[in-house]
Amino acid sequence: MKNRCEAPIGVFDSGVGGLTVVREIMRNLPNEEIIYFGDTARVPYGSKSKETVTRYSRQIVRFLQSKEVKAIVIACNTASAYALETIKKELDIPIIGVVEPGARVACETTVNDRIGVIGTEATVHSGIYTSFIRRQKPDVQVVSKACPLFVPLVEEGWLKDPITMEVARRYLEELLQYDIDTLILGCTHYPLLRSTVQKIVGEKVNLVNPAYETARDLKKLLEREGLSNPDHETDPSEMNHRFYVSDAAEKFNKFANSILPYDIDTTQEIPIEEY
């Protein structure tokens, strides 16, 4: 069982957004090694069909399994919405997504029972956040808004750009008409725009970051399954985290080093269609 506990955790996303989940796992589970795959050749997922996203997710899961991971985190709201339940039935290792943790915390946070959700078109149209929220609090009013331009703006690194502020304002002003007191950042790219979003919605609206909540849920899952890596005194920066993408490795590497707790040396490109 010791070897199993020391196996890495697989994390995947459509691009760089899932690095917000990796960042939280590094902070909250410093003993766990991570293998990350970003599908940078096929980003974004938010405008693609359920069938396509499920096919992509299966390919990535097969790749991660080839690295003998002990658990998988779908660090992508769209893939969590479209593919998680299907893939969960096909796997013999634990797999979790980012939607349920965020929905649960939003229900615990709201006071006036008015929750906003921002995400990709696919996540919003799937209604998955509304579904999870209503299961816990049937009377909550959920207002959703697709913000498709946020992903390319983040991928370009335009986190503090005036254009990003203007786009965010146009998306979010509509939500504020519903007097929401809680807003779910329903795409893993969006925590990177947290300060911009907070400026627009104001301090009275609580922002829920599913990346952080997912890391907490992962910790509980590993403990429950007896898969936690024992404590050790290795410097976190010396952990053998590995990063893979389907395209543009150098650009990914630069972006990763701008948001992760410590720099990564290399990112390797993988022909993911072969899996």
C-alpha atoms as a PDB file:
ATOM      1  CA  MET A   1       0.000   0.000   0.000  1.00  0.00           C
ATOM      2  CA  LYS A   2       2.955   2.309   0.603  1.00  0.00           C
ATOM      3  CA  ASN A   3       3.823   2.431  -3.094  1.00  0.00           C
ATOM      4  CA  ARG A   4       0.215   3.193  -3.921  1.00  0.00           C
ATOM      5  CA  CYS A   5       0.198   6.102  -1.466  1.00  0.00           C
ATOM      6  CA  GLU A   6       3.331   7.524  -3.038  1.00  0.00           C
ATOM      7  CA  ALA A   7       1.834   7.468  -6.548  1.00  0.00           C
ATOM      8  CA  PRO A   8       1.100  10.864  -8.109  1.00  0.00           C
ATOM      9  CA  ILE A   9      -2.237  12.617  -8.554  1.00  0.00           C
ATOM     10  CA  GLY A  10      -3.373  13.282 -12.111  1.00  0.00           C
ATOM     11  CA  VAL A  11      -4.889  16.692 -12.864  1.00  0.00           C
ATOM     12  CA  PHE A  12      -6.167  17.871 -16.230  1.00  0.00           C
ATOM     13  CA  ASP A  13      -7.776  20.880 -17.835  1.00  0.00           C
ATOM     14  CA  SER A  14      -8.446  22.273 -21.292  1.00  0.00           C
ATOM     15  CA  GLY A  15      -5.493  24.632 -20.924  1.00  0.00           C
ATOM     16  CA  VAL A  16      -3.803  26.706 -18.231  1.00  0.00           C
ATOM     17  CA  GLY A  17      -6.841  27.341 -16.022  1.00  0.00           C
ATOM     18  CA  GLY A  18      -6.397  24.075 -14.155  1.00  0.00           C
ATOM     19  CA  LEU A  19      -3.146  25.449 -12.776  1.00  0.00           C
ATOM     20  CA  THR A  20      -5.293  27.310 -10.228  1.00  0.00           C
ATOM     21  CA  VAL A  21      -6.317  23.876  -8.933  1.00  0.00           C
ATOM     22  CA  VAL A  22      -2.694  22.684  -9.006  1.00  0.00           C
ATOM     23  CA  ARG A  23      -1.692  25.758  -7.019  1.00  0.00           C
ATOM     24  CA  GLU A  24      -4.241  24.942  -4.309  1.00  0.00           C
ATOM     25  CA  ILE A  25      -3.227  21.260  -4.220  1.00  0.00           C
ATOM     26  CA  MET A  26       0.424  22.277  -3.805  1.00  0.00           C
ATOM     27  CA  ARG A  27      -0.539  24.553  -0.918  1.00  0.00           C
ATOM     28  CA  ASN A  28      -2.956  22.198   0.835  1.00  0.00           C
ATOM     29  CA  LEU A  29      -1.362  18.808   0.052  1.00  0.00           C
ATOM     30  CA  PRO A  30       2.378  19.538  -0.035  1.00  0.00           C
ATOM     31  CA  ASN A  31       3.323  15.839   0.172  1.00  0.00           C
ATOM     32  CA  GLU A  32       1.489  14.883  -3.021  1.00  0.00           C
ATOM     33  CA  GLU A  33       3.186  14.760  -6.403  1.00  0.00           C
ATOM     34  CA  ILE A  34       1.176  16.009  -9.382  1.00  0.00           C
ATOM     35  CA  ILE A  35       1.066  15.059 -13.037  1.00  0.00           C
ATOM     36  CA  TYR A  36      -0.735  17.792 -14.951  1.00  0.00           C
ATOM     37  CA  PHE A  37      -2.025  17.743 -18.505  1.00  0.00           C
ATOM     38  CA  GLY A  38      -3.247  20.893 -20.246  1.00  0.00           C
ATOM     39  CA  ASP A  39      -5.018  20.367 -23.564  1.00  0.00           C
ATOM     40  CA  THR A  40      -3.628  23.563 -25.054  1.00  0.00           C
ATOM     41  CA  ALA A  41      -4.057  22.380 -28.655  1.00  0.00           C
ATOM     42  CA  ARG A  42      -7.830  22.021 -28.259  1.00  0.00           C
ATOM     43  CA  VAL A  43      -8.707  24.801 -25.829  1.00  0.00           C
ATOM     44  CA  PRO A  44     -11.371  26.052 -25.204  1.00  0.00           C
ATOM     45  CA  TYR A  45     -13.719  23.224 -24.234  1.00  0.00           C
ATOM     46  CA  GLY A  46     -16.550  25.588 -23.369  1.00  0.00           C
ATOM     47  CA  SER A  47     -17.837  25.893 -26.944  1.00  0.00           C
ATOM     48  CA  LYS A  48     -17.613  22.175 -27.770  1.00  0.00           C
ATOM     49  CA  SER A  49     -20.251  19.435 -27.588  1.00  0.00           C
ATOM     50  CA  LYS A  50     -20.680  16.987 -24.727  1.00  0.00           C
ATOM     51  CA  GLU A  51     -19.576  14.121 -26.976  1.00  0.00           C
ATOM     52  CA  THR A  52     -16.378  15.898 -27.997  1.00  0.00           C
ATOM     53  CA  VAL A  53     -15.466  16.937 -24.446  1.00  0.00           C
ATOM     54  CA  THR A  54     -16.077  13.375 -23.223  1.00  0.00           C
ATOM     55  CA  ARG A  55     -13.863  11.960 -25.985  1.00  0.00           C
ATOM     56  CA  TYR A  56     -11.081  14.410 -25.160  1.00  0.00           C
ATOM     57  CA  SER A  57     -11.405  13.617 -21.446  1.00  0.00           C
ATOM     58  CA  ARG A  58     -11.160   9.869 -22.060  1.00  0.00           C
ATOM     59  CA  GLN A  59      -7.939  10.362 -24.040  1.00  0.00           C
ATOM     60  CA  ILE A  60      -6.410  12.431 -21.262  1.00  0.00           C
ATOM     61  CA  VAL A  61      -7.480   9.969 -18.571  1.00  0.00           C
ATOM     62  CA  ARG A  62      -5.802   7.161 -20.523  1.00  0.00           C
ATOM     63  CA  PHE A  63      -2.620   9.232 -20.701  1.00  0.00           C
ATOM     64  CA  LEU A  64      -2.712   9.921 -16.962  1.00  0.00           C
ATOM     65  CA  GLN A  65      -3.318   6.245 -16.230  1.00  0.00           C
ATOM     66  CA  SER A  66      -0.183   5.438 -18.230  1.00  0.00           C
ATOM     67  CA  LYS A  67       1.660   7.467 -15.565  1.00  0.00           C
ATOM     68  CA  GLU A  68       0.136   5.246 -12.836  1.00  0.00           C
ATOM     69  CA  VAL A  69      -1.709   8.008 -10.995  1.00  0.00           C
ATOM     70  CA  LYS A  70      -3.651   7.043  -7.865  1.00  0.00           C
ATOM     71  CA  ALA A  71      -6.474   9.565  -8.336  1.00  0.00           C
ATOM     72  CA  ILE A  72      -7.604  12.086 -10.937  1.00  0.00           C
ATOM     73  CA  VAL A  73      -8.929  15.632 -10.625  1.00  0.00           C
ATOM     74  CA  ILE A  74     -10.842  17.076 -13.575  1.00  0.00           C
ATOM     75  CA  ALA A  75      -9.716  20.665 -13.117  1.00  0.00           C
ATOM     76  CA  CYS A  76     -12.119  21.924 -15.764  1.00  0.00           C
ATOM     77  CA  ASN A  77     -15.712  22.929 -15.140  1.00  0.00           C
ATOM     78  CA  THR A  78     -16.827  22.041 -18.662  1.00  0.00           C
ATOM     79  CA  ALA A  79     -15.314  18.544 -18.501  1.00  0.00           C
ATOM     80  CA  SER A  80     -16.666  18.122 -14.964  1.00  0.00           C
ATOM     81  CA  ALA A  81     -20.121  19.012 -16.260  1.00  0.00           C
ATOM     82  CA  TYR A  82     -20.012  16.885 -19.397  1.00  0.00           C
ATOM     83  CA  ALA A  83     -17.691  13.931 -18.743  1.00  0.00           C
ATOM     84  CA  LEU A  84     -17.206  13.258 -15.022  1.00  0.00           C
ATOM     85  CA  GLU A  85     -20.159  10.941 -14.406  1.00  0.00           C
ATOM     86  CA  THR A  86     -19.436   8.894 -17.542  1.00  0.00           C
ATOM     87  CA  ILE A  87     -15.730   8.485 -16.819  1.00  0.00           C
ATOM     88  CA  LYS A  88     -16.294   7.751 -13.139  1.00  0.00           C
ATOM     89  CA  LYS A  89     -18.127   4.552 -14.157  1.00  0.00           C
ATOM     90  CA  GLU A  90     -15.183   3.492 -16.321  1.00  0.00           C
ATOM     91  CA  LEU A  91     -12.387   3.964 -13.766  1.00  0.00           C
ATOM     92  CA  ASP A  92     -11.127   1.871 -10.883  1.00  0.00           C
ATOM     93  CA  ILE A  93      -9.404   4.828  -9.195  1.00  0.00           C
ATOM     94  CA  PRO A  94     -11.059   7.844  -7.526  1.00  0.00           C
ATOM     95  CA  ILE A  95     -11.913  10.819  -9.745  1.00  0.00           C
ATOM     96  CA  ILE A  96     -13.442  14.144  -8.740  1.00  0.00           C
ATOM     97  CA  GLY A  97     -14.435  17.333 -10.535  1.00  0.00           C
ATOM     98  CA  VAL A  98     -14.561  20.984  -9.542  1.00  0.00           C
ATOM     99  CA  VAL A  99     -18.308  21.641  -9.743  1.00  0.00           C
ATOM    100  CA  GLU A 100     -19.697  19.912  -6.662  1.00  0.00           C
ATOM    101  CA  PRO A 101     -17.211  21.420  -4.147  1.00  0.00           C
ATOM    102  CA  GLY A 102     -17.931  24.944  -5.397  1.00  0.00           C
ATOM    103  CA  ALA A 103     -21.707  24.454  -5.365  1.00  0.00           C
ATOM    104  CA  ARG A 104     -21.637  23.102  -1.819  1.00  0.00           C
ATOM    105  CA  VAL A 105     -19.631  26.017  -0.433  1.00  0.00           C
ATOM    106  CA  ALA A 106     -21.833  28.539  -2.247  1.00  0.00           C
ATOM    107  CA  CYS A 107     -24.857  27.054  -0.467  1.00  0.00           C
ATOM    108  CA  GLU A 108     -23.052  27.328   2.871  1.00  0.00           C
ATOM    109  CA  THR A 109     -22.033  30.931   2.150  1.00  0.00           C
ATOM    110  CA  THR A 110     -25.182  32.624   0.831  1.00  0.00           C
ATOM    111  CA  VAL A 111     -27.365  34.521   3.272  1.00  0.00           C
ATOM    112  CA  ASN A 112     -30.092  35.833   0.968  1.00  0.00           C
ATOM    113  CA  ASP A 113     -30.273  32.623  -1.103  1.00  0.00           C
ATOM    114  CA  ARG A 114     -29.303  34.363  -4.335  1.00  0.00           C
ATOM    115  CA  ILE A 115     -26.267  32.816  -5.991  1.00  0.00           C
ATOM    116  CA  GLY A 116     -24.594  33.864  -9.220  1.00  0.00           C
ATOM    117  CA  VAL A 117     -22.581  31.531 -11.442  1.00  0.00           C
ATOM    118  CA  ILE A 118     -20.181  32.589 -14.176  1.00  0.00           C
ATOM    119  CA  GLY A 119     -18.621  30.032 -16.505  1.00  0.00           C
ATOM    120  CA  THR A 120     -18.132  28.912 -20.071  1.00  0.00           C
ATOM    121  CA  GLU A 121     -21.111  28.529 -22.387  1.00  0.00           C
ATOM    122  CA  ALA A 122     -21.016  24.751 -21.924  1.00  0.00           C
ATOM    123  CA  THR A 123     -20.958  24.911 -18.123  1.00  0.00           C
ATOM    124  CA  VAL A 124     -23.784  27.438 -17.993  1.00  0.00           C
ATOM    125  CA  HIS A 125     -25.945  25.640 -20.550  1.00  0.00           C
ATOM    126  CA  SER A 126     -25.446  22.300 -18.792  1.00  0.00           C
ATOM    127  CA  GLY A 127     -27.153  23.727 -15.698  1.00  0.00           C
ATOM    128  CA  ILE A 128     -24.906  21.563 -13.540  1.00  0.00           C
ATOM    129  CA  TYR A 129     -24.230  24.205 -10.883  1.00  0.00           C
ATOM    130  CA  THR A 130     -27.934  24.957 -10.579  1.00  0.00           C
ATOM    131  CA  SER A 131     -28.629  21.234 -10.250  1.00  0.00           C
ATOM    132  CA  PHE A 132     -26.082  20.706  -7.453  1.00  0.00           C
ATOM    133  CA  ILE A 133     -27.191  23.868  -5.640  1.00  0.00           C
ATOM    134  CA  ARG A 134     -30.890  23.000  -5.784  1.00  0.00           C
ATOM    135  CA  ARG A 135     -30.235  19.512  -4.419  1.00  0.00           C
ATOM    136  CA  GLN A 136     -28.869  21.136  -1.274  1.00  0.00           C
ATOM    137  CA  LYS A 137     -31.076  24.235  -1.078  1.00  0.00           C
ATOM    138  CA  PRO A 138     -34.175  23.903  -3.291  1.00  0.00           C
ATOM    139  CA  ASP A 139     -35.351  27.477  -2.751  1.00  0.00           C
ATOM    140  CA  VAL A 140     -32.136  29.212  -3.819  1.00  0.00           C
ATOM    141  CA  GLN A 141     -32.353  31.534  -6.805  1.00  0.00           C
ATOM    142  CA  VAL A 142     -29.464  30.784  -9.186  1.00  0.00           C
ATOM    143  CA  VAL A 143     -28.501  33.291 -11.879  1.00  0.00           C
ATOM    144  CA  SER A 144     -25.956  32.116 -14.450  1.00  0.00           C
ATOM    145  CA  LYS A 145     -23.948  34.058 -16.988  1.00  0.00           C
ATOM    146  CA  ALA A 146     -21.625  32.721 -19.685  1.00  0.00           C
ATOM    147  CA  CYS A 147     -18.397  34.726 -19.964  1.00  0.00           C
ATOM    148  CA  PRO A 148     -16.701  33.164 -23.012  1.00  0.00           C
ATOM    149  CA  LEU A 149     -14.089  35.887 -23.485  1.00  0.00           C
ATOM    150  CA  PHE A 150     -12.564  35.362 -20.033  1.00  0.00           C
ATOM    151  CA  VAL A 151     -10.679  32.202 -21.044  1.00  0.00           C
ATOM    152  CA  PRO A 152      -8.790  33.682 -24.031  1.00  0.00           C
ATOM    153  CA  LEU A 153      -8.043  36.844 -22.019  1.00  0.00           C
ATOM    154  CA  VAL A 154      -6.496  34.747 -19.249  1.00  0.00           C
ATOM    155  CA  GLU A 155      -4.640  32.559 -21.756  1.00  0.00           C
ATOM    156  CA  GLU A 156      -3.133  35.733 -23.234  1.00  0.00           C
ATOM    157  CA  GLY A 157      -2.053  36.855 -19.781  1.00  0.00           C
ATOM    158  CA  TRP A 158      -4.203  39.996 -19.894  1.00  0.00           C
ATOM    159  CA  LEU A 159      -5.162  39.721 -16.231  1.00  0.00           C
ATOM    160  CA  LYS A 160      -4.927  43.430 -15.369  1.00  0.00           C
ATOM    161  CA  ASP A 161      -5.590  44.891 -18.821  1.00  0.00           C
ATOM    162  CA  PRO A 162      -8.211  47.670 -19.220  1.00  0.00           C
ATOM    163  CA  ILE A 163      -9.868  45.577 -21.937  1.00  0.00           C
ATOM    164  CA  THR A 164     -10.351  42.728 -19.465  1.00  0.00           C
ATOM    165  CA  MET A 165     -11.897  45.133 -16.951  1.00  0.00           C
ATOM    166  CA  GLU A 166     -14.334  46.445 -19.538  1.00  0.00           C
ATOM    167  CA  VAL A 167     -15.313  42.949 -20.711  1.00  0.00           C
ATOM    168  CA  ALA A 168     -15.823  41.853 -17.102  1.00  0.00           C
ATOM    169  CA  ARG A 169     -17.982  44.883 -16.370  1.00  0.00           C
ATOM    170  CA  ARG A 170     -20.244  44.172 -19.344  1.00  0.00           C
ATOM    171  CA  TYR A 171     -20.660  40.536 -18.284  1.00  0.00           C
ATOM    172  CA  LEU A 172     -21.178  41.112 -14.556  1.00  0.00           C
ATOM    173  CA  GLU A 173     -23.426  44.174 -14.398  1.00  0.00           C
ATOM    174  CA  GLU A 174     -26.370  42.019 -15.476  1.00  0.00           C
ATOM    175  CA  LEU A 175     -25.849  39.657 -12.543  1.00  0.00           C
ATOM    176  CA  LEU A 176     -25.825  42.484 -10.014  1.00  0.00           C
ATOM    177  CA  GLN A 177     -29.426  43.343 -10.904  1.00  0.00           C
ATOM    178  CA  TYR A 178     -30.471  40.131  -9.115  1.00  0.00           C
ATOM    179  CA  ASP A 179     -29.000  41.170  -5.739  1.00  0.00           C
ATOM    180  CA  ILE A 180     -26.712  38.128  -5.510  1.00  0.00           C
ATOM    181  CA  ASP A 181     -24.585  37.847  -2.369  1.00  0.00           C
ATOM    182  CA  THR A 182     -22.466  34.918  -3.572  1.00  0.00           C
ATOM    183  CA  LEU A 183     -20.750  34.367  -6.919  1.00  0.00           C
ATOM    184  CA  ILE A 184     -19.187  31.091  -8.065  1.00  0.00           C
ATOM    185  CA  LEU A 185     -16.126  31.468 -10.287  1.00  0.00           C
ATOM    186  CA  GLY A 186     -17.322  28.547 -12.391  1.00  0.00           C
ATOM    187  CA  CYS A 187     -14.269  28.106 -14.604  1.00  0.00           C
ATOM    188  CA  THR A 188     -10.779  27.331 -13.357  1.00  0.00           C
ATOM    189  CA  HIS A 189      -9.391  30.259 -15.360  1.00  0.00           C
ATOM    190  CA  TYR A 190     -11.558  32.722 -13.468  1.00  0.00           C
ATOM    191  CA  PRO A 191      -9.733  32.803 -10.087  1.00  0.00           C
ATOM    192  CA  LEU A 192      -6.924  34.519 -11.983  1.00  0.00           C
ATOM    193  CA  LEU A 193      -9.386  37.363 -12.579  1.00  0.00           C
ATOM    194  CA  ARG A 194     -10.570  37.386  -8.968  1.00  0.00           C
ATOM    195  CA  SER A 195      -9.443  40.939  -8.133  1.00  0.00           C
ATOM    196  CA  THR A 196     -11.064  42.303 -11.298  1.00  0.00           C
ATOM    197  CA  VAL A 197     -14.322  40.503 -10.602  1.00  0.00           C
ATOM    198  CA  GLN A 198     -14.334  41.627  -6.957  1.00  0.00           C
ATOM    199  CA  LYS A 199     -13.879  45.277  -7.964  1.00  0.00           C
ATOM    200  CA  ILE A 200     -16.936  45.102 -10.180  1.00  0.00           C
ATOM    201  CA  VAL A 201     -19.312  43.119  -7.940  1.00  0.00           C
ATOM    202  CA  GLY A 202     -18.204  44.845  -4.728  1.00  0.00           C
ATOM    203  CA  GLU A 203     -17.051  43.546  -1.358  1.00  0.00           C
ATOM    204  CA  LYS A 204     -20.576  42.545  -0.284  1.00  0.00           C
ATOM    205  CA  VAL A 205     -20.573  39.696  -2.808  1.00  0.00           C
ATOM    206  CA  ASN A 206     -18.648  36.629  -1.643  1.00  0.00           C
ATOM    207  CA  LEU A 207     -16.591  34.947  -4.364  1.00  0.00           C
ATOM    208  CA  VAL A 208     -16.388  31.150  -4.291  1.00  0.00           C
ATOM    209  CA  ASN A 209     -13.221  29.652  -5.761  1.00  0.00           C
ATOM    210  CA  PRO A 210     -13.933  25.996  -6.683  1.00  0.00           C
ATOM    211  CA  ALA A 211     -10.180  25.383  -7.124  1.00  0.00           C
ATOM    212  CA  TYR A 212      -9.574  25.861  -3.399  1.00  0.00           C
ATOM    213  CA  GLU A 213     -12.628  23.834  -2.403  1.00  0.00           C
ATOM    214  CA  THR A 214     -11.600  21.015  -4.763  1.00  0.00           C
ATOM    215  CA  ALA A 215      -8.173  20.777  -3.139  1.00  0.00           C
ATOM    216  CA  ARG A 216      -9.859  20.446   0.256  1.00  0.00           C
ATOM    217  CA  ASP A 217     -12.191  17.741  -1.066  1.00  0.00           C
ATOM    218  CA  LEU A 218      -9.240  15.901  -2.625  1.00  0.00           C
ATOM    219  CA  LYS A 219      -7.475  15.850   0.729  1.00  0.00           C
ATOM    220  CA  LYS A 220     -10.534  14.304   2.392  1.00  0.00           C
ATOM    221  CA  LEU A 221     -10.916  11.788  -0.439  1.00  0.00           C
ATOM    222  CA  LEU A 222      -7.311  10.586  -0.188  1.00  0.00           C
ATOM    223  CA  GLU A 223      -7.608  10.239   3.586  1.00  0.00           C
ATOM    224  CA  ARG A 224     -10.863   8.319   3.250  1.00  0.00           C
ATOM    225  CA  GLU A 225      -9.414   5.950   0.639  1.00  0.00           C
ATOM    226  CA  GLY A 226      -6.154   5.451   2.530  1.00  0.00           C
ATOM    227  CA  LEU A 227      -4.191   7.000  -0.332  1.00  0.00           C
ATOM    228  CA  SER A 228      -2.552   9.995   1.368  1.00  0.00           C
ATOM    229  CA  ASN A 229       1.193  10.237   0.916  1.00  0.00           C
ATOM    230  CA  PRO A 230       2.904  10.077   4.345  1.00  0.00           C
ATOM    231  CA  ASP A 231       4.474  13.239   5.696  1.00  0.00           C
ATOM    232  CA  HIS A 232       8.071  13.820   4.703  1.00  0.00           C
ATOM    233  CA  GLU A 233      10.530  16.649   5.019  1.00  0.00           C
ATOM    234  CA  THR A 234      11.306  17.148   1.338  1.00  0.00           C
ATOM    235  CA  ASP A 235      11.412  20.774   0.228  1.00  0.00           C
ATOM    236  CA  PRO A 236       8.160  21.365  -1.718  1.00  0.00           C
ATOM    237  CA  SER A 237      10.138  22.850  -4.604  1.00  0.00           C
ATOM    238  CA  GLU A 238      11.981  19.529  -4.963  1.00  0.00           C
ATOM    239  CA  MET A 239       8.819  17.486  -5.494  1.00  0.00           C
ATOM    240  CA  ASN A 240       8.707  15.605  -8.793  1.00  0.00           C
ATOM    241  CA  HIS A 241       5.728  17.396 -10.305  1.00  0.00           C
ATOM    242  CA  ARG A 242       5.432  16.818 -14.061  1.00  0.00           C
ATOM    243  CA  PHE A 243       3.639  18.960 -16.624  1.00  0.00           C
ATOM    244  CA  TYR A 244       2.412  17.974 -20.075  1.00  0.00           C
ATOM    245  CA  VAL A 245       0.496  19.796 -22.808  1.00  0.00           C
ATOM    246  CA  SER A 246      -0.797  19.070 -26.285  1.00  0.00           C
ATOM    247  CA  ASP A 247       0.755  22.240 -27.779  1.00  0.00           C
ATOM    248  CA  ALA A 248       2.777  25.390 -27.029  1.00  0.00           C
ATOM    249  CA  ALA A 249       4.860  24.009 -24.167  1.00  0.00           C
ATOM    250  CA  GLU A 250       7.101  27.049 -23.865  1.00  0.00           C
ATOM    251  CA  LYS A 251       4.181  29.449 -23.555  1.00  0.00           C
ATOM    252  CA  PHE A 252       2.538  27.172 -20.984  1.00  0.00           C
ATOM    253  CA  ASN A 253       5.741  26.937 -18.970  1.00  0.00           C
ATOM    254  CA  LYS A 254       6.059  30.705 -18.798  1.00  0.00           C
ATOM    255  CA  PHE A 255       2.462  31.101 -17.674  1.00  0.00           C
ATOM    256  CA  ALA A 256       2.764  28.314 -15.085  1.00  0.00           C
ATOM    257  CA  ASN A 257       5.795  29.947 -13.534  1.00  0.00           C
ATOM    258  CA  SER A 258       3.842  33.189 -13.151  1.00  0.00           C
ATOM    259  CA  ILE A 259       1.144  31.639 -10.945  1.00  0.00           C
ATOM    260  CA  LEU A 260       2.519  28.518  -9.223  1.00  0.00           C
ATOM    261  CA  PRO A 261       4.267  28.711  -5.830  1.00  0.00           C
ATOM    262  CA  TYR A 262       7.614  27.829  -7.427  1.00  0.00           C
ATOM    263  CA  ASP A 263       9.025  27.495 -10.919  1.00  0.00           C
ATOM    264  CA  ILE A 264       8.788  24.365 -13.039  1.00  0.00           C
ATOM    265  CA  ASP A 265      11.715  23.495 -15.287  1.00  0.00           C
ATOM    266  CA  THR A 266      10.138  21.926 -18.334  1.00  0.00           C
ATOM    267  CA  THR A 267       6.782  21.100 -19.875  1.00  0.00           C
ATOM    268  CA  GLN A 268       6.580  18.259 -22.371  1.00  0.00           C
ATOM    269  CA  GLU A 269       4.315  18.148 -25.436  1.00  0.00           C
ATOM    270  CA  ILE A 270       2.288  14.954 -25.868  1.00  0.00           C
ATOM    271  CA  PRO A 271       0.394  13.758 -28.995  1.00  0.00           C
ATOM    272  CA  ILE A 272      -2.794  13.256 -26.984  1.00  0.00           C
ATOM    273  CA  GLU A 273      -4.847  12.054 -29.973  1.00  0.00           C
ATOM    274  CA  GLU A 274      -2.817   8.831 -29.861  1.00  0.00           C
ATOM    275  CA  TYR A 275      -4.364   7.867 -26.507  1.00  0.00           C
END
